[in-house]
């Protein structure tokens, strides 16, 4: 569980997304995709699933941890498991104050969406995909006067593809 907590907080990044010409990108060695605008350029970053950077210097990173998430898949244990994940995030993010928390499903995979305010007024938007044997996480830190709606759109696009019927 500690690795999952570290995964979630290790990727808090700046935001800079334009809605025009957004593209669905398949992420290497995972089943997940994310939708990014043309301003995001792929960069090489060790130990990350993917990293992107804009001309203005903003960075986005996606990480993966090998952790069993069986408790996220079971109704009896799901809420306690998600509480434990959020406690880990709370301990690592200074001034964490929850705005919202939603446990849902993204095309058949349990997903945890967190949004919080930090000390200083920044907003942190986090999505964790809880596959059975690993977790993928994406987090975006939005400055006090930044576009939180755009951050939510990026995190919502971070999911497994729709299964074919």
N, C-alpha and C. Protein backbone atom coordinates (compact mmCIF):
# COMPACT_ATOMS: atom_id res chain seq x y z
N UNK A 1 0.82 -1.19 0.00
CA UNK A 1 0.00 0.00 0.00
C UNK A 1 0.86 1.26 0.00
N UNK A 2 2.01 1.23 0.66
CA UNK A 2 2.89 2.40 0.69
C UNK A 2 3.35 2.76 -0.72
N UNK A 3 3.60 1.74 -1.56
CA UNK A 3 4.02 2.02 -2.94
C UNK A 3 2.91 2.73 -3.70
N UNK A 4 1.65 2.35 -3.46
CA UNK A 4 0.54 3.01 -4.12
C UNK A 4 0.42 4.46 -3.67
N UNK A 5 0.60 4.70 -2.37
CA UNK A 5 0.56 6.08 -1.87
C UNK A 5 1.65 6.92 -2.52
N UNK A 6 2.85 6.37 -2.60
CA UNK A 6 3.97 7.08 -3.21
C UNK A 6 3.68 7.33 -4.69
N UNK A 7 3.08 6.38 -5.35
CA UNK A 7 2.73 6.51 -6.76
C UNK A 7 1.81 7.70 -6.97
N UNK A 8 0.78 7.81 -6.14
CA UNK A 8 -0.20 8.87 -6.31
C UNK A 8 0.41 10.25 -6.10
N UNK A 9 1.23 10.41 -5.08
CA UNK A 9 1.75 11.74 -4.78
C UNK A 9 3.00 12.09 -5.57
N UNK A 10 3.62 11.13 -6.23
CA UNK A 10 4.86 11.39 -6.96
C UNK A 10 4.63 12.10 -8.27
N UNK A 11 3.37 12.28 -8.70
CA UNK A 11 3.15 12.79 -10.05
C UNK A 11 2.31 14.06 -10.10
N UNK A 12 2.33 14.84 -9.05
CA UNK A 12 1.62 16.11 -9.06
C UNK A 12 2.37 17.06 -9.98
N UNK A 13 1.69 17.54 -11.04
CA UNK A 13 2.38 18.29 -12.08
C UNK A 13 1.61 19.55 -12.45
N UNK A 14 2.23 20.43 -13.28
CA UNK A 14 1.58 21.63 -13.80
C UNK A 14 0.59 21.31 -14.89
N UNK A 15 -0.29 22.24 -15.21
CA UNK A 15 -1.35 22.03 -16.19
C UNK A 15 -1.24 23.03 -17.32
N UNK A 16 -1.47 22.58 -18.53
CA UNK A 16 -1.51 23.45 -19.69
C UNK A 16 -2.13 22.71 -20.86
N UNK A 17 -3.45 22.68 -20.96
CA UNK A 17 -4.12 21.90 -21.99
C UNK A 17 -5.04 22.78 -22.79
N UNK A 18 -4.94 22.70 -24.10
CA UNK A 18 -5.92 23.38 -24.95
C UNK A 18 -6.87 22.33 -25.48
N UNK A 19 -8.17 22.60 -25.50
CA UNK A 19 -9.12 21.60 -25.93
C UNK A 19 -9.08 21.31 -27.43
N UNK A 20 -8.50 22.21 -28.23
CA UNK A 20 -8.46 22.01 -29.67
C UNK A 20 -7.52 20.88 -30.04
N UNK A 21 -7.95 20.07 -30.98
CA UNK A 21 -7.13 19.00 -31.55
C UNK A 21 -6.60 18.01 -30.52
N UNK A 22 -7.36 17.72 -29.50
CA UNK A 22 -6.95 16.74 -28.51
C UNK A 22 -6.88 15.37 -29.16
N UNK A 23 -5.96 14.54 -28.68
CA UNK A 23 -5.73 13.22 -29.26
C UNK A 23 -5.71 12.17 -28.15
N UNK A 24 -6.34 11.02 -28.40
CA UNK A 24 -6.31 9.92 -27.46
C UNK A 24 -4.99 9.18 -27.67
N UNK A 25 -4.21 9.08 -26.60
CA UNK A 25 -2.89 8.45 -26.67
C UNK A 25 -2.90 7.15 -25.90
N UNK A 26 -2.47 6.07 -26.53
CA UNK A 26 -2.30 4.78 -25.85
C UNK A 26 -1.01 4.85 -25.05
N UNK A 27 -1.05 4.39 -23.82
CA UNK A 27 0.14 4.43 -22.96
C UNK A 27 0.88 3.11 -23.06
N UNK A 28 2.20 3.15 -23.13
CA UNK A 28 2.98 1.92 -23.31
C UNK A 28 2.87 0.98 -22.11
N UNK A 29 2.81 -0.31 -22.41
CA UNK A 29 2.80 -1.38 -21.39
C UNK A 29 1.64 -1.28 -20.42
N UNK A 30 0.53 -0.71 -20.83
CA UNK A 30 -0.68 -0.64 -20.01
C UNK A 30 -1.88 -0.79 -20.93
N UNK A 31 -3.04 -0.88 -20.31
CA UNK A 31 -4.28 -0.90 -21.08
C UNK A 31 -4.89 0.50 -21.16
N UNK A 32 -4.28 1.49 -20.52
CA UNK A 32 -4.88 2.81 -20.37
C UNK A 32 -4.55 3.76 -21.52
N UNK A 33 -5.39 4.79 -21.63
CA UNK A 33 -5.18 5.87 -22.57
C UNK A 33 -5.39 7.20 -21.84
N UNK A 34 -4.89 8.28 -22.43
CA UNK A 34 -5.12 9.62 -21.91
C UNK A 34 -5.30 10.54 -23.12
N UNK A 35 -6.11 11.58 -22.97
CA UNK A 35 -6.35 12.52 -24.05
C UNK A 35 -5.62 13.83 -23.75
N UNK A 36 -4.72 14.21 -24.68
CA UNK A 36 -3.93 15.43 -24.51
C UNK A 36 -4.00 16.26 -25.79
N UNK A 37 -3.83 17.56 -25.62
CA UNK A 37 -3.80 18.47 -26.76
C UNK A 37 -2.44 18.46 -27.45
N UNK A 38 -2.33 19.11 -28.60
CA UNK A 38 -1.10 19.08 -29.39
C UNK A 38 0.08 19.79 -28.74
N UNK A 39 -0.16 20.59 -27.73
CA UNK A 39 0.94 21.29 -27.06
C UNK A 39 1.81 20.37 -26.21
N UNK A 40 1.32 19.18 -25.91
CA UNK A 40 2.06 18.21 -25.10
C UNK A 40 2.96 17.38 -25.99
N UNK A 41 4.25 17.36 -25.70
CA UNK A 41 5.24 16.60 -26.45
C UNK A 41 5.80 15.49 -25.56
N UNK A 42 5.91 14.29 -26.11
CA UNK A 42 6.44 13.15 -25.37
C UNK A 42 7.91 13.37 -25.05
N UNK A 43 8.29 13.08 -23.81
CA UNK A 43 9.69 13.16 -23.39
C UNK A 43 10.08 11.85 -22.72
N UNK A 44 11.38 11.58 -22.71
CA UNK A 44 11.89 10.38 -22.05
C UNK A 44 12.10 10.69 -20.58
N UNK A 45 11.56 9.83 -19.73
CA UNK A 45 11.73 10.00 -18.29
C UNK A 45 11.85 8.62 -17.66
N UNK A 46 12.97 8.34 -16.98
CA UNK A 46 13.15 7.01 -16.39
C UNK A 46 12.08 6.70 -15.35
N UNK A 47 11.69 5.48 -15.29
CA UNK A 47 10.75 4.91 -14.32
C UNK A 47 9.32 5.45 -14.40
N UNK A 48 8.98 6.13 -15.49
CA UNK A 48 7.62 6.60 -15.69
C UNK A 48 6.98 5.84 -16.85
N UNK A 49 5.67 5.67 -16.78
CA UNK A 49 4.95 5.07 -17.90
C UNK A 49 5.03 6.01 -19.09
N UNK A 50 4.79 7.29 -18.85
CA UNK A 50 4.85 8.30 -19.90
C UNK A 50 5.06 9.66 -19.26
N UNK A 51 5.69 10.54 -20.00
CA UNK A 51 5.87 11.92 -19.55
C UNK A 51 5.69 12.83 -20.76
N UNK A 52 5.09 13.98 -20.52
CA UNK A 52 4.84 14.94 -21.58
C UNK A 52 5.23 16.32 -21.06
N UNK A 53 5.62 17.18 -21.99
CA UNK A 53 6.03 18.54 -21.63
C UNK A 53 5.51 19.50 -22.68
N UNK A 54 5.16 20.69 -22.25
CA UNK A 54 4.74 21.73 -23.20
C UNK A 54 5.91 22.68 -23.44
N UNK A 55 5.79 23.48 -24.50
CA UNK A 55 6.82 24.49 -24.81
C UNK A 55 7.01 25.44 -23.63
N UNK A 56 5.95 25.69 -22.89
CA UNK A 56 6.04 26.63 -21.76
C UNK A 56 6.64 25.99 -20.51
N UNK A 57 7.05 24.70 -20.61
CA UNK A 57 7.74 24.05 -19.50
C UNK A 57 6.86 23.26 -18.56
N UNK A 58 5.58 23.14 -18.86
CA UNK A 58 4.71 22.33 -18.01
C UNK A 58 4.98 20.85 -18.27
N UNK A 59 4.84 20.03 -17.20
CA UNK A 59 5.16 18.61 -17.29
C UNK A 59 4.00 17.79 -16.75
N UNK A 60 3.75 16.66 -17.39
CA UNK A 60 2.74 15.72 -16.95
C UNK A 60 3.40 14.35 -16.90
N UNK A 61 3.18 13.61 -15.84
CA UNK A 61 3.77 12.27 -15.71
C UNK A 61 2.73 11.27 -15.26
N UNK A 62 2.89 10.05 -15.75
CA UNK A 62 2.01 8.94 -15.37
C UNK A 62 2.90 7.82 -14.86
N UNK A 63 2.56 7.30 -13.68
CA UNK A 63 3.37 6.26 -13.06
C UNK A 63 2.57 4.98 -12.84
N UNK A 64 3.31 3.91 -12.60
CA UNK A 64 2.70 2.59 -12.39
C UNK A 64 3.35 1.93 -11.20
N UNK A 65 2.54 1.22 -10.40
CA UNK A 65 3.06 0.44 -9.27
C UNK A 65 2.44 -0.94 -9.30
N UNK A 66 3.27 -1.95 -9.08
CA UNK A 66 2.77 -3.33 -8.98
C UNK A 66 2.25 -3.53 -7.56
N UNK A 67 0.96 -3.43 -7.42
CA UNK A 67 0.30 -3.65 -6.13
C UNK A 67 -0.99 -4.42 -6.37
N UNK A 68 -1.29 -5.40 -5.53
CA UNK A 68 -2.57 -6.10 -5.69
C UNK A 68 -3.70 -5.20 -5.21
N UNK A 69 -4.71 -5.04 -6.03
CA UNK A 69 -5.85 -4.17 -5.70
C UNK A 69 -7.15 -4.95 -5.59
N UNK A 70 -7.06 -6.19 -5.18
CA UNK A 70 -8.24 -7.05 -5.10
C UNK A 70 -9.32 -6.42 -4.22
N UNK A 71 -8.91 -5.74 -3.14
CA UNK A 71 -9.90 -5.12 -2.25
C UNK A 71 -10.71 -4.03 -2.96
N UNK A 72 -10.16 -3.43 -4.00
CA UNK A 72 -10.91 -2.42 -4.77
C UNK A 72 -11.98 -3.07 -5.63
N UNK A 73 -11.84 -4.34 -5.92
CA UNK A 73 -12.78 -5.06 -6.77
C UNK A 73 -13.89 -5.73 -5.97
N UNK A 74 -13.78 -5.78 -4.65
CA UNK A 74 -14.77 -6.44 -3.79
C UNK A 74 -15.61 -5.40 -3.06
N UNK A 75 -16.91 -5.51 -3.17
CA UNK A 75 -17.82 -4.54 -2.55
C UNK A 75 -17.60 -4.43 -1.04
N UNK A 76 -17.34 -5.56 -0.37
CA UNK A 76 -17.20 -5.56 1.10
C UNK A 76 -15.96 -4.80 1.58
N UNK A 77 -14.91 -4.75 0.78
CA UNK A 77 -13.65 -4.15 1.21
C UNK A 77 -13.30 -2.85 0.49
N UNK A 78 -14.07 -2.50 -0.51
CA UNK A 78 -13.75 -1.35 -1.38
C UNK A 78 -13.62 -0.03 -0.62
N UNK A 79 -14.60 0.31 0.20
CA UNK A 79 -14.57 1.61 0.89
C UNK A 79 -13.37 1.73 1.83
N UNK A 80 -13.08 0.68 2.58
CA UNK A 80 -11.93 0.72 3.49
C UNK A 80 -10.62 0.84 2.72
N UNK A 81 -10.54 0.18 1.58
CA UNK A 81 -9.33 0.24 0.75
C UNK A 81 -9.11 1.66 0.22
N UNK A 82 -10.17 2.28 -0.26
CA UNK A 82 -10.08 3.64 -0.77
C UNK A 82 -9.75 4.62 0.35
N UNK A 83 -10.30 4.41 1.55
CA UNK A 83 -9.94 5.24 2.71
C UNK A 83 -8.44 5.17 2.96
N UNK A 84 -7.89 3.97 2.87
CA UNK A 84 -6.45 3.78 3.12
C UNK A 84 -5.61 4.51 2.06
N UNK A 85 -6.03 4.44 0.81
CA UNK A 85 -5.30 5.16 -0.25
C UNK A 85 -5.34 6.66 0.03
N UNK A 86 -6.51 7.18 0.36
CA UNK A 86 -6.62 8.63 0.60
C UNK A 86 -5.81 9.05 1.83
N UNK A 87 -5.78 8.22 2.87
CA UNK A 87 -4.95 8.55 4.04
C UNK A 87 -3.49 8.69 3.64
N UNK A 88 -3.03 7.82 2.75
CA UNK A 88 -1.66 7.91 2.27
C UNK A 88 -1.41 9.19 1.50
N UNK A 89 -2.36 9.60 0.68
CA UNK A 89 -2.23 10.86 -0.06
C UNK A 89 -2.24 12.03 0.91
N UNK A 90 -3.15 12.01 1.86
CA UNK A 90 -3.26 13.09 2.86
C UNK A 90 -1.95 13.28 3.61
N UNK A 91 -1.29 12.18 3.94
CA UNK A 91 -0.03 12.26 4.68
C UNK A 91 1.10 12.84 3.85
N UNK A 92 1.03 12.74 2.53
CA UNK A 92 2.12 13.18 1.66
C UNK A 92 1.91 14.55 1.02
N UNK A 93 0.67 15.03 0.97
CA UNK A 93 0.38 16.31 0.31
C UNK A 93 0.15 17.37 1.38
N UNK A 94 1.07 18.34 1.50
CA UNK A 94 0.94 19.38 2.53
C UNK A 94 -0.37 20.16 2.41
N UNK A 95 -1.06 20.29 3.52
CA UNK A 95 -2.28 21.08 3.57
C UNK A 95 -3.46 20.46 2.84
N UNK A 96 -3.45 19.16 2.63
CA UNK A 96 -4.51 18.46 1.90
C UNK A 96 -5.85 18.66 2.58
N UNK A 97 -6.80 19.18 1.82
CA UNK A 97 -8.17 19.32 2.31
C UNK A 97 -9.09 18.86 1.18
N UNK A 98 -9.76 17.74 1.41
CA UNK A 98 -10.58 17.15 0.36
C UNK A 98 -11.67 18.08 -0.12
N UNK A 99 -11.82 18.18 -1.44
CA UNK A 99 -12.92 18.86 -2.09
C UNK A 99 -13.94 17.81 -2.53
N UNK A 100 -13.44 16.72 -3.13
CA UNK A 100 -14.34 15.65 -3.54
C UNK A 100 -13.58 14.33 -3.63
N UNK A 101 -14.34 13.25 -3.49
CA UNK A 101 -13.80 11.90 -3.66
C UNK A 101 -14.89 11.05 -4.28
N UNK A 102 -14.54 10.38 -5.36
CA UNK A 102 -15.49 9.52 -6.04
C UNK A 102 -14.83 8.20 -6.37
N UNK A 103 -15.49 7.13 -6.02
CA UNK A 103 -15.05 5.81 -6.43
C UNK A 103 -16.00 5.37 -7.51
N UNK A 104 -15.45 5.04 -8.66
CA UNK A 104 -16.31 4.67 -9.78
C UNK A 104 -15.71 3.55 -10.59
N UNK A 105 -16.12 3.52 -11.83
CA UNK A 105 -15.72 2.49 -12.76
C UNK A 105 -15.38 3.17 -14.08
N UNK A 106 -14.24 2.83 -14.63
CA UNK A 106 -13.84 3.35 -15.94
C UNK A 106 -13.69 2.17 -16.88
N UNK A 107 -14.77 1.86 -17.59
CA UNK A 107 -14.76 0.77 -18.56
C UNK A 107 -14.37 -0.57 -17.93
N UNK A 108 -14.93 -0.84 -16.75
CA UNK A 108 -14.71 -2.12 -16.10
C UNK A 108 -13.58 -2.16 -15.09
N UNK A 109 -12.90 -1.05 -14.87
CA UNK A 109 -11.79 -0.98 -13.91
C UNK A 109 -12.17 -0.01 -12.79
N UNK A 110 -12.03 -0.42 -11.52
CA UNK A 110 -12.29 0.53 -10.43
C UNK A 110 -11.36 1.74 -10.55
N UNK A 111 -11.91 2.91 -10.28
CA UNK A 111 -11.14 4.14 -10.40
C UNK A 111 -11.46 5.04 -9.21
N UNK A 112 -10.42 5.64 -8.66
CA UNK A 112 -10.56 6.59 -7.56
C UNK A 112 -10.22 7.98 -8.07
N UNK A 113 -11.16 8.90 -7.95
CA UNK A 113 -10.93 10.30 -8.30
C UNK A 113 -10.92 11.12 -7.03
N UNK A 114 -9.85 11.86 -6.83
CA UNK A 114 -9.71 12.75 -5.68
C UNK A 114 -9.48 14.17 -6.17
N UNK A 115 -10.05 15.12 -5.47
CA UNK A 115 -9.74 16.52 -5.71
C UNK A 115 -9.57 17.17 -4.34
N UNK A 116 -8.51 17.96 -4.21
CA UNK A 116 -8.21 18.57 -2.92
C UNK A 116 -7.60 19.94 -3.11
N UNK A 117 -7.70 20.75 -2.07
CA UNK A 117 -6.99 22.03 -2.00
C UNK A 117 -5.73 21.81 -1.19
N UNK A 118 -4.68 22.49 -1.56
CA UNK A 118 -3.42 22.43 -0.83
C UNK A 118 -3.19 23.74 -0.10
N UNK A 119 -2.25 23.73 0.81
CA UNK A 119 -1.81 24.97 1.43
C UNK A 119 -1.40 25.91 0.31
N UNK A 120 -1.80 27.16 0.38
CA UNK A 120 -1.45 28.11 -0.65
C UNK A 120 -2.51 28.24 -1.73
N UNK A 121 -3.54 27.39 -1.70
CA UNK A 121 -4.66 27.55 -2.61
C UNK A 121 -4.64 26.74 -3.89
N UNK A 122 -3.56 26.01 -4.17
CA UNK A 122 -3.54 25.18 -5.37
C UNK A 122 -4.54 24.04 -5.23
N UNK A 123 -5.05 23.56 -6.36
CA UNK A 123 -5.94 22.42 -6.39
C UNK A 123 -5.19 21.23 -6.97
N UNK A 124 -5.39 20.05 -6.40
CA UNK A 124 -4.78 18.83 -6.90
C UNK A 124 -5.91 17.91 -7.36
N UNK A 125 -5.82 17.46 -8.61
CA UNK A 125 -6.79 16.54 -9.18
C UNK A 125 -6.05 15.24 -9.48
N UNK A 126 -6.54 14.13 -8.91
CA UNK A 126 -5.85 12.84 -9.00
C UNK A 126 -6.81 11.78 -9.50
N UNK A 127 -6.32 10.89 -10.37
CA UNK A 127 -7.08 9.70 -10.77
C UNK A 127 -6.16 8.50 -10.63
N UNK A 128 -6.67 7.45 -9.96
CA UNK A 128 -5.94 6.20 -9.80
C UNK A 128 -6.78 5.09 -10.43
N UNK A 129 -6.20 4.40 -11.40
CA UNK A 129 -6.83 3.24 -12.02
C UNK A 129 -6.37 2.01 -11.26
N UNK A 130 -7.29 1.25 -10.69
CA UNK A 130 -6.97 0.15 -9.80
C UNK A 130 -7.18 -1.21 -10.49
N UNK A 131 -6.26 -1.54 -11.37
CA UNK A 131 -6.29 -2.84 -12.03
C UNK A 131 -6.07 -3.92 -10.96
N UNK A 132 -6.31 -5.17 -11.27
CA UNK A 132 -6.20 -6.23 -10.28
C UNK A 132 -4.77 -6.40 -9.75
N UNK A 133 -3.76 -6.23 -10.59
CA UNK A 133 -2.38 -6.50 -10.15
C UNK A 133 -1.47 -5.28 -10.19
N UNK A 134 -1.97 -4.14 -10.61
CA UNK A 134 -1.16 -2.92 -10.62
C UNK A 134 -2.07 -1.70 -10.58
N UNK A 135 -1.47 -0.56 -10.29
CA UNK A 135 -2.20 0.71 -10.28
C UNK A 135 -1.47 1.71 -11.16
N UNK A 136 -2.24 2.52 -11.86
CA UNK A 136 -1.71 3.64 -12.63
C UNK A 136 -2.28 4.90 -12.02
N UNK A 137 -1.46 5.94 -11.93
CA UNK A 137 -1.94 7.18 -11.34
C UNK A 137 -1.52 8.38 -12.17
N UNK A 138 -2.39 9.37 -12.21
CA UNK A 138 -2.13 10.64 -12.85
C UNK A 138 -2.61 11.72 -11.89
N UNK A 139 -1.77 12.72 -11.67
CA UNK A 139 -2.17 13.83 -10.80
C UNK A 139 -1.75 15.13 -11.47
N UNK A 140 -2.59 16.13 -11.31
CA UNK A 140 -2.32 17.45 -11.87
C UNK A 140 -2.51 18.48 -10.77
N UNK A 141 -1.51 19.32 -10.60
CA UNK A 141 -1.64 20.43 -9.65
C UNK A 141 -2.00 21.68 -10.44
N UNK A 142 -3.08 22.33 -10.03
CA UNK A 142 -3.57 23.53 -10.70
C UNK A 142 -3.31 24.73 -9.79
N UNK A 143 -2.59 25.75 -10.27
CA UNK A 143 -2.36 26.93 -9.45
C UNK A 143 -3.69 27.57 -9.00
N UNK A 144 -3.60 28.40 -8.00
CA UNK A 144 -4.79 29.02 -7.37
C UNK A 144 -5.79 29.54 -8.40
N UNK A 145 -5.34 30.20 -9.44
CA UNK A 145 -6.27 30.78 -10.42
C UNK A 145 -6.28 30.00 -11.73
N UNK A 146 -5.83 28.76 -11.68
CA UNK A 146 -5.76 27.94 -12.88
C UNK A 146 -7.11 27.33 -13.24
N UNK A 147 -7.14 26.65 -14.37
CA UNK A 147 -8.36 26.06 -14.91
C UNK A 147 -8.55 24.63 -14.39
N UNK A 148 -9.27 24.52 -13.29
CA UNK A 148 -9.52 23.21 -12.68
C UNK A 148 -10.38 22.33 -13.59
N UNK A 149 -11.29 22.92 -14.35
CA UNK A 149 -12.13 22.15 -15.26
C UNK A 149 -11.28 21.43 -16.30
N UNK A 150 -10.25 22.08 -16.81
CA UNK A 150 -9.37 21.43 -17.79
C UNK A 150 -8.61 20.27 -17.14
N UNK A 151 -8.18 20.44 -15.89
CA UNK A 151 -7.49 19.35 -15.17
C UNK A 151 -8.43 18.17 -14.98
N UNK A 152 -9.66 18.45 -14.64
CA UNK A 152 -10.65 17.37 -14.48
C UNK A 152 -10.86 16.63 -15.79
N UNK A 153 -10.90 17.36 -16.90
CA UNK A 153 -11.09 16.73 -18.21
C UNK A 153 -9.93 15.80 -18.55
N UNK A 154 -8.70 16.22 -18.26
CA UNK A 154 -7.55 15.37 -18.53
C UNK A 154 -7.61 14.12 -17.67
N UNK A 155 -7.88 14.27 -16.37
CA UNK A 155 -7.92 13.10 -15.50
C UNK A 155 -9.08 12.18 -15.87
N UNK A 156 -10.21 12.72 -16.26
CA UNK A 156 -11.35 11.87 -16.66
C UNK A 156 -11.02 11.09 -17.93
N UNK A 157 -10.16 11.64 -18.78
CA UNK A 157 -9.80 10.94 -20.02
C UNK A 157 -8.82 9.79 -19.76
N UNK A 158 -8.25 9.75 -18.58
CA UNK A 158 -7.27 8.72 -18.19
C UNK A 158 -8.05 7.48 -17.78
N UNK A 159 -8.10 6.47 -18.68
CA UNK A 159 -8.95 5.30 -18.44
C UNK A 159 -8.51 4.14 -19.33
N UNK A 160 -9.11 2.99 -19.07
CA UNK A 160 -8.97 1.86 -19.98
C UNK A 160 -9.90 2.09 -21.15
N UNK A 161 -9.52 1.61 -22.33
CA UNK A 161 -10.41 1.78 -23.47
C UNK A 161 -11.69 1.00 -23.30
N UNK A 162 -12.72 1.41 -23.99
CA UNK A 162 -14.01 0.72 -23.94
C UNK A 162 -13.83 -0.67 -24.52
N UNK A 163 -14.39 -1.65 -23.82
CA UNK A 163 -14.33 -3.02 -24.30
C UNK A 163 -15.23 -3.21 -25.50
N UNK A 164 -14.75 -3.99 -26.47
CA UNK A 164 -15.57 -4.30 -27.64
C UNK A 164 -16.71 -5.22 -27.23
N UNK A 165 -17.92 -5.01 -27.80
CA UNK A 165 -19.06 -5.85 -27.44
C UNK A 165 -18.90 -7.27 -27.96
